[in-house]
Amino acid sequence: MLHVSYEDLLRLAASYKYAGIFHADIIINGKPGFVEILIQDGKPFDILSVPSPRPGERWVTMLAPLGQLHWKLIAPETSNIAARNEYRAMLQSNLASSQAQLTIQQPKPHIDPIPRQKIQLQPDQIRQLPHRYRVVYLLIDGYRSPQEIATLLNKSLEETTQTLDILHQQGLIA
């Protein structure tokens, strides 16, 4: 475990040409979350955080005020980055295999790999949604994959995808 700032972690990784995934738990605006950095050849290759930076905000400006964090090296199979990338690879594989099928099937609503809110609901409108749809809708930020949303809610990917399909059919997400 390392107890260093984000910038210092990147400097250490660069100086030792490190490769691996570092995870740190964070609290931003009173909300718990995490940040994971995939480092390859000493350079950050991929980064994922919950919550995500605001549009236009950089990782450095988001993480700098947090100061020193407790970074731990994690196994790829426990990484949210790996889960997200595995889900994207699965989507691409499924898309390729479904295009290869000659049978005509009922078209399923298209959900982007990373769902985003199509309509910004007001708080009173959000409260009117059933709890199952509300919690998924609130986690859609244009950065999280369905797998990440399922993980955060401790739900199956199938259940989360069904909820996303319904929200898409209602025109709330794209």
C-alpha atoms as a PDB file:
ATOM      1  CA  MET A   1       0.000   0.000   0.000  1.00  0.00           C
ATOM      2  CA  LEU A   2       1.262   3.480  -0.859  1.00  0.00           C
ATOM      3  CA  HIS A   3       0.179   6.630   0.934  1.00  0.00           C
ATOM      4  CA  VAL A   4       0.881   9.296  -1.726  1.00  0.00           C
ATOM      5  CA  SER A   5      -0.956  11.863  -3.822  1.00  0.00           C
ATOM      6  CA  TYR A   6      -2.197  11.144  -7.340  1.00  0.00           C
ATOM      7  CA  GLU A   7       0.655  13.176  -8.851  1.00  0.00           C
ATOM      8  CA  ASP A   8       3.274  11.368  -6.740  1.00  0.00           C
ATOM      9  CA  LEU A   9       1.833   7.989  -7.726  1.00  0.00           C
ATOM     10  CA  LEU A  10       2.210   8.906 -11.403  1.00  0.00           C
ATOM     11  CA  ARG A  11       5.798  10.095 -10.809  1.00  0.00           C
ATOM     12  CA  LEU A  12       6.700   6.845  -9.032  1.00  0.00           C
ATOM     13  CA  ALA A  13       5.102   4.764 -11.770  1.00  0.00           C
ATOM     14  CA  ALA A  14       7.018   6.674 -14.458  1.00  0.00           C
ATOM     15  CA  SER A  15      10.357   6.403 -12.669  1.00  0.00           C
ATOM     16  CA  TYR A  16      10.045   2.607 -12.263  1.00  0.00           C
ATOM     17  CA  LYS A  17       8.229   1.970 -15.591  1.00  0.00           C
ATOM     18  CA  TYR A  18       5.528   0.280 -13.546  1.00  0.00           C
ATOM     19  CA  ALA A  19       2.576  -1.712 -14.925  1.00  0.00           C
ATOM     20  CA  GLY A  20      -0.510  -2.600 -12.880  1.00  0.00           C
ATOM     21  CA  ILE A  21      -3.801  -1.361 -11.446  1.00  0.00           C
ATOM     22  CA  PHE A  22      -3.887   0.929  -8.407  1.00  0.00           C
ATOM     23  CA  HIS A  23      -7.093   1.457  -6.413  1.00  0.00           C
ATOM     24  CA  ALA A  24      -7.900   4.111  -3.809  1.00  0.00           C
ATOM     25  CA  ASP A  25     -11.136   4.775  -1.954  1.00  0.00           C
ATOM     26  CA  ILE A  26     -12.147   8.450  -2.049  1.00  0.00           C
ATOM     27  CA  ILE A  27     -14.800  10.769  -0.681  1.00  0.00           C
ATOM     28  CA  ILE A  28     -15.887  13.659  -2.897  1.00  0.00           C
ATOM     29  CA  ASN A  29     -18.600  16.095  -1.792  1.00  0.00           C
ATOM     30  CA  GLY A  30     -19.395  13.800   1.110  1.00  0.00           C
ATOM     31  CA  LYS A  31     -20.062  10.832  -1.175  1.00  0.00           C
ATOM     32  CA  PRO A  32     -17.896   7.695  -1.012  1.00  0.00           C
ATOM     33  CA  GLY A  33     -16.328   6.418  -4.204  1.00  0.00           C
ATOM     34  CA  PHE A  34     -13.126   5.063  -5.656  1.00  0.00           C
ATOM     35  CA  VAL A  35     -10.522   5.713  -8.309  1.00  0.00           C
ATOM     36  CA  GLU A  36      -8.612   3.082 -10.265  1.00  0.00           C
ATOM     37  CA  ILE A  37      -5.649   3.744 -12.508  1.00  0.00           C
ATOM     38  CA  LEU A  38      -4.323   1.238 -15.031  1.00  0.00           C
ATOM     39  CA  ILE A  39      -0.647   1.959 -15.563  1.00  0.00           C
ATOM     40  CA  GLN A  40       1.339   0.449 -18.427  1.00  0.00           C
ATOM     41  CA  ASP A  41       5.056   1.098 -18.972  1.00  0.00           C
ATOM     42  CA  GLY A  42       4.969   3.766 -16.289  1.00  0.00           C
ATOM     43  CA  LYS A  43       2.192   5.810 -17.923  1.00  0.00           C
ATOM     44  CA  PRO A  44      -1.502   6.005 -17.015  1.00  0.00           C
ATOM     45  CA  PHE A  45      -3.343   4.039 -19.677  1.00  0.00           C
ATOM     46  CA  ASP A  46      -6.888   4.060 -18.327  1.00  0.00           C
ATOM     47  CA  ILE A  47      -8.576   5.627 -15.318  1.00  0.00           C
ATOM     48  CA  LEU A  48     -11.983   5.117 -13.787  1.00  0.00           C
ATOM     49  CA  SER A  49     -13.571   6.832 -10.840  1.00  0.00           C
ATOM     50  CA  VAL A  50     -16.887   6.944  -9.080  1.00  0.00           C
ATOM     51  CA  PRO A  51     -17.927   9.699  -9.089  1.00  0.00           C
ATOM     52  CA  SER A  52     -16.549  10.708 -12.478  1.00  0.00           C
ATOM     53  CA  PRO A  53     -15.030  14.115 -13.112  1.00  0.00           C
ATOM     54  CA  ARG A  54     -17.483  16.764 -14.187  1.00  0.00           C
ATOM     55  CA  PRO A  55     -17.523  17.645 -17.914  1.00  0.00           C
ATOM     56  CA  GLY A  56     -14.370  19.604 -18.700  1.00  0.00           C
ATOM     57  CA  GLU A  57     -12.710  18.670 -15.409  1.00  0.00           C
ATOM     58  CA  ARG A  58      -9.415  16.784 -15.525  1.00  0.00           C
ATOM     59  CA  TRP A  59      -8.440  13.902 -13.236  1.00  0.00           C
ATOM     60  CA  VAL A  60      -5.611  15.925 -11.740  1.00  0.00           C
ATOM     61  CA  THR A  61      -7.921  18.785 -10.726  1.00  0.00           C
ATOM     62  CA  MET A  62     -10.467  16.333  -9.329  1.00  0.00           C
ATOM     63  CA  LEU A  63      -7.978  14.291  -7.296  1.00  0.00           C
ATOM     64  CA  ALA A  64      -5.460  16.975  -6.275  1.00  0.00           C
ATOM     65  CA  PRO A  65      -7.608  18.434  -3.451  1.00  0.00           C
ATOM     66  CA  LEU A  66      -7.871  14.969  -1.898  1.00  0.00           C
ATOM     67  CA  GLY A  67      -4.144  15.002  -1.056  1.00  0.00           C
ATOM     68  CA  GLN A  68      -2.534  11.742  -0.114  1.00  0.00           C
ATOM     69  CA  LEU A  69      -4.594   8.640  -0.763  1.00  0.00           C
ATOM     70  CA  HIS A  70      -4.127   5.029   0.299  1.00  0.00           C
ATOM     71  CA  TRP A  71      -3.295   3.352  -3.026  1.00  0.00           C
ATOM     72  CA  LYS A  72      -3.279  -0.413  -3.169  1.00  0.00           C
ATOM     73  CA  LEU A  73      -2.292  -2.674  -6.005  1.00  0.00           C
ATOM     74  CA  ILE A  74      -5.233  -4.840  -7.063  1.00  0.00           C
ATOM     75  CA  ALA A  75      -5.630  -7.913  -9.224  1.00  0.00           C
ATOM     76  CA  PRO A  76      -7.103  -7.317 -12.692  1.00  0.00           C
ATOM     77  CA  GLU A  77     -10.021  -9.667 -12.004  1.00  0.00           C
ATOM     78  CA  THR A  78     -11.169  -7.444  -9.117  1.00  0.00           C
ATOM     79  CA  SER A  79     -10.786  -4.232 -11.097  1.00  0.00           C
ATOM     80  CA  ASN A  80     -13.756  -2.180 -12.258  1.00  0.00           C
ATOM     81  CA  ILE A  81     -11.645  -1.138 -15.265  1.00  0.00           C
ATOM     82  CA  ALA A  82     -11.231  -4.791 -16.261  1.00  0.00           C
ATOM     83  CA  ALA A  83     -14.963  -5.408 -15.775  1.00  0.00           C
ATOM     84  CA  ARG A  84     -15.820  -2.385 -17.940  1.00  0.00           C
ATOM     85  CA  ASN A  85     -13.391  -3.430 -20.683  1.00  0.00           C
ATOM     86  CA  GLU A  86     -14.576  -7.043 -20.510  1.00  0.00           C
ATOM     87  CA  TYR A  87     -18.180  -5.841 -20.880  1.00  0.00           C
ATOM     88  CA  ARG A  88     -17.259  -3.699 -23.903  1.00  0.00           C
ATOM     89  CA  ALA A  89     -15.426  -6.644 -25.500  1.00  0.00           C
ATOM     90  CA  MET A  90     -18.473  -8.836 -24.842  1.00  0.00           C
ATOM     91  CA  LEU A  91     -20.731  -6.228 -26.475  1.00  0.00           C
ATOM     92  CA  GLN A  92     -18.509  -6.072 -29.549  1.00  0.00           C
ATOM     93  CA  SER A  93     -18.382  -9.871 -29.731  1.00  0.00           C
ATOM     94  CA  ASN A  94     -22.171 -10.136 -29.371  1.00  0.00           C
ATOM     95  CA  LEU A  95     -22.672  -7.455 -32.019  1.00  0.00           C
ATOM     96  CA  ALA A  96     -20.415  -9.308 -34.458  1.00  0.00           C
ATOM     97  CA  SER A  97     -22.153 -12.642 -33.831  1.00  0.00           C
ATOM     98  CA  SER A  98     -25.643 -11.135 -34.085  1.00  0.00           C
ATOM     99  CA  GLN A  99     -24.767  -9.526 -37.415  1.00  0.00           C
ATOM    100  CA  ALA A 100     -23.606 -12.922 -38.644  1.00  0.00           C
ATOM    101  CA  GLN A 101     -26.989 -14.532 -37.877  1.00  0.00           C
ATOM    102  CA  LEU A 102     -29.301 -14.854 -40.854  1.00  0.00           C
ATOM    103  CA  THR A 103     -32.485 -15.294 -38.866  1.00  0.00           C
ATOM    104  CA  ILE A 104     -34.684 -12.266 -38.375  1.00  0.00           C
ATOM    105  CA  GLN A 105     -35.362 -11.488 -34.746  1.00  0.00           C
ATOM    106  CA  GLN A 106     -37.537  -8.954 -32.998  1.00  0.00           C
ATOM    107  CA  PRO A 107     -35.407  -5.807 -32.783  1.00  0.00           C
ATOM    108  CA  LYS A 108     -34.337  -4.977 -29.260  1.00  0.00           C
ATOM    109  CA  PRO A 109     -34.015  -1.334 -28.227  1.00  0.00           C
ATOM    110  CA  HIS A 110     -30.463  -0.127 -28.747  1.00  0.00           C
ATOM    111  CA  ILE A 111     -28.650   0.900 -25.601  1.00  0.00           C
ATOM    112  CA  ASP A 112     -25.252   2.515 -26.060  1.00  0.00           C
ATOM    113  CA  PRO A 113     -22.427   0.747 -24.220  1.00  0.00           C
ATOM    114  CA  ILE A 114     -22.285   3.807 -21.990  1.00  0.00           C
ATOM    115  CA  PRO A 115     -25.855   5.027 -21.350  1.00  0.00           C
ATOM    116  CA  ARG A 116     -26.543   8.715 -20.876  1.00  0.00           C
ATOM    117  CA  GLN A 117     -29.561  10.636 -19.668  1.00  0.00           C
ATOM    118  CA  LYS A 118     -31.623  11.875 -22.612  1.00  0.00           C
ATOM    119  CA  ILE A 119     -33.990  13.897 -20.432  1.00  0.00           C
ATOM    120  CA  GLN A 120     -32.925  15.671 -17.251  1.00  0.00           C
ATOM    121  CA  LEU A 121     -35.729  14.920 -14.803  1.00  0.00           C
ATOM    122  CA  GLN A 122     -36.581  17.232 -11.938  1.00  0.00           C
ATOM    123  CA  PRO A 123     -36.218  15.843  -8.374  1.00  0.00           C
ATOM    124  CA  ASP A 124     -39.991  15.457  -7.953  1.00  0.00           C
ATOM    125  CA  GLN A 125     -40.186  13.565 -11.272  1.00  0.00           C
ATOM    126  CA  ILE A 126     -37.334  11.281 -10.190  1.00  0.00           C
ATOM    127  CA  ARG A 127     -39.131  10.519  -6.911  1.00  0.00           C
ATOM    128  CA  GLN A 128     -42.162   9.341  -8.934  1.00  0.00           C
ATOM    129  CA  LEU A 129     -40.115   6.638 -10.672  1.00  0.00           C
ATOM    130  CA  PRO A 130     -40.234   3.174  -9.097  1.00  0.00           C
ATOM    131  CA  HIS A 131     -37.181   2.593  -6.892  1.00  0.00           C
ATOM    132  CA  ARG A 132     -35.659   0.047  -9.318  1.00  0.00           C
ATOM    133  CA  TYR A 133     -35.660   2.588 -12.173  1.00  0.00           C
ATOM    134  CA  ARG A 134     -34.780   5.566  -9.994  1.00  0.00           C
ATOM    135  CA  VAL A 135     -31.509   4.150  -8.665  1.00  0.00           C
ATOM    136  CA  VAL A 136     -30.346   3.125 -12.151  1.00  0.00           C
ATOM    137  CA  TYR A 137     -31.373   6.483 -13.668  1.00  0.00           C
ATOM    138  CA  LEU A 138     -29.446   8.380 -10.986  1.00  0.00           C
ATOM    139  CA  LEU A 139     -26.258   6.382 -11.687  1.00  0.00           C
ATOM    140  CA  ILE A 140     -26.316   7.138 -15.419  1.00  0.00           C
ATOM    141  CA  ASP A 141     -23.732   9.846 -16.004  1.00  0.00           C
ATOM    142  CA  GLY A 142     -22.449   9.210 -19.535  1.00  0.00           C
ATOM    143  CA  TYR A 143     -19.330   7.501 -18.186  1.00  0.00           C
ATOM    144  CA  ARG A 144     -20.533   4.362 -16.387  1.00  0.00           C
ATOM    145  CA  SER A 145     -21.150   1.155 -18.303  1.00  0.00           C
ATOM    146  CA  PRO A 146     -24.120  -1.082 -17.490  1.00  0.00           C
ATOM    147  CA  GLN A 147     -21.665  -3.479 -15.808  1.00  0.00           C
ATOM    148  CA  GLU A 148     -20.383  -0.685 -13.546  1.00  0.00           C
ATOM    149  CA  ILE A 149     -23.951   0.314 -12.664  1.00  0.00           C
ATOM    150  CA  ALA A 150     -24.808  -3.315 -11.891  1.00  0.00           C
ATOM    151  CA  THR A 151     -21.711  -3.606  -9.694  1.00  0.00           C
ATOM    152  CA  LEU A 152     -22.529  -0.418  -7.784  1.00  0.00           C
ATOM    153  CA  LEU A 153     -26.077  -1.650  -7.150  1.00  0.00           C
ATOM    154  CA  ASN A 154     -25.009  -5.223  -6.422  1.00  0.00           C
ATOM    155  CA  LYS A 155     -27.446  -6.378  -9.139  1.00  0.00           C
ATOM    156  CA  SER A 156     -26.959  -8.773 -12.040  1.00  0.00           C
ATOM    157  CA  LEU A 157     -26.001  -7.381 -15.421  1.00  0.00           C
ATOM    158  CA  GLU A 158     -29.162  -8.934 -16.878  1.00  0.00           C
ATOM    159  CA  GLU A 159     -31.422  -7.170 -14.367  1.00  0.00           C
ATOM    160  CA  THR A 160     -29.633  -3.866 -14.910  1.00  0.00           C
ATOM    161  CA  THR A 161     -29.825  -4.226 -18.700  1.00  0.00           C
ATOM    162  CA  GLN A 162     -33.583  -4.904 -18.478  1.00  0.00           C
ATOM    163  CA  THR A 163     -34.010  -1.729 -16.432  1.00  0.00           C
ATOM    164  CA  LEU A 164     -31.908   0.229 -18.948  1.00  0.00           C
ATOM    165  CA  ASP A 165     -34.063  -1.162 -21.796  1.00  0.00           C
ATOM    166  CA  ILE A 166     -37.222   0.065 -20.059  1.00  0.00           C
ATOM    167  CA  LEU A 167     -35.735   3.508 -19.371  1.00  0.00           C
ATOM    168  CA  HIS A 168     -34.671   3.645 -23.038  1.00  0.00           C
ATOM    169  CA  GLN A 169     -38.181   2.668 -24.241  1.00  0.00           C
ATOM    170  CA  GLN A 170     -39.608   5.460 -22.076  1.00  0.00           C
ATOM    171  CA  GLY A 171     -37.242   7.904 -23.793  1.00  0.00           C
ATOM    172  CA  LEU A 172     -35.424   8.841 -20.583  1.00  0.00           C
ATOM    173  CA  ILE A 173     -31.984   7.568 -21.656  1.00  0.00           C
ATOM    174  CA  ALA A 174     -30.057   7.181 -24.874  1.00  0.00           C
END
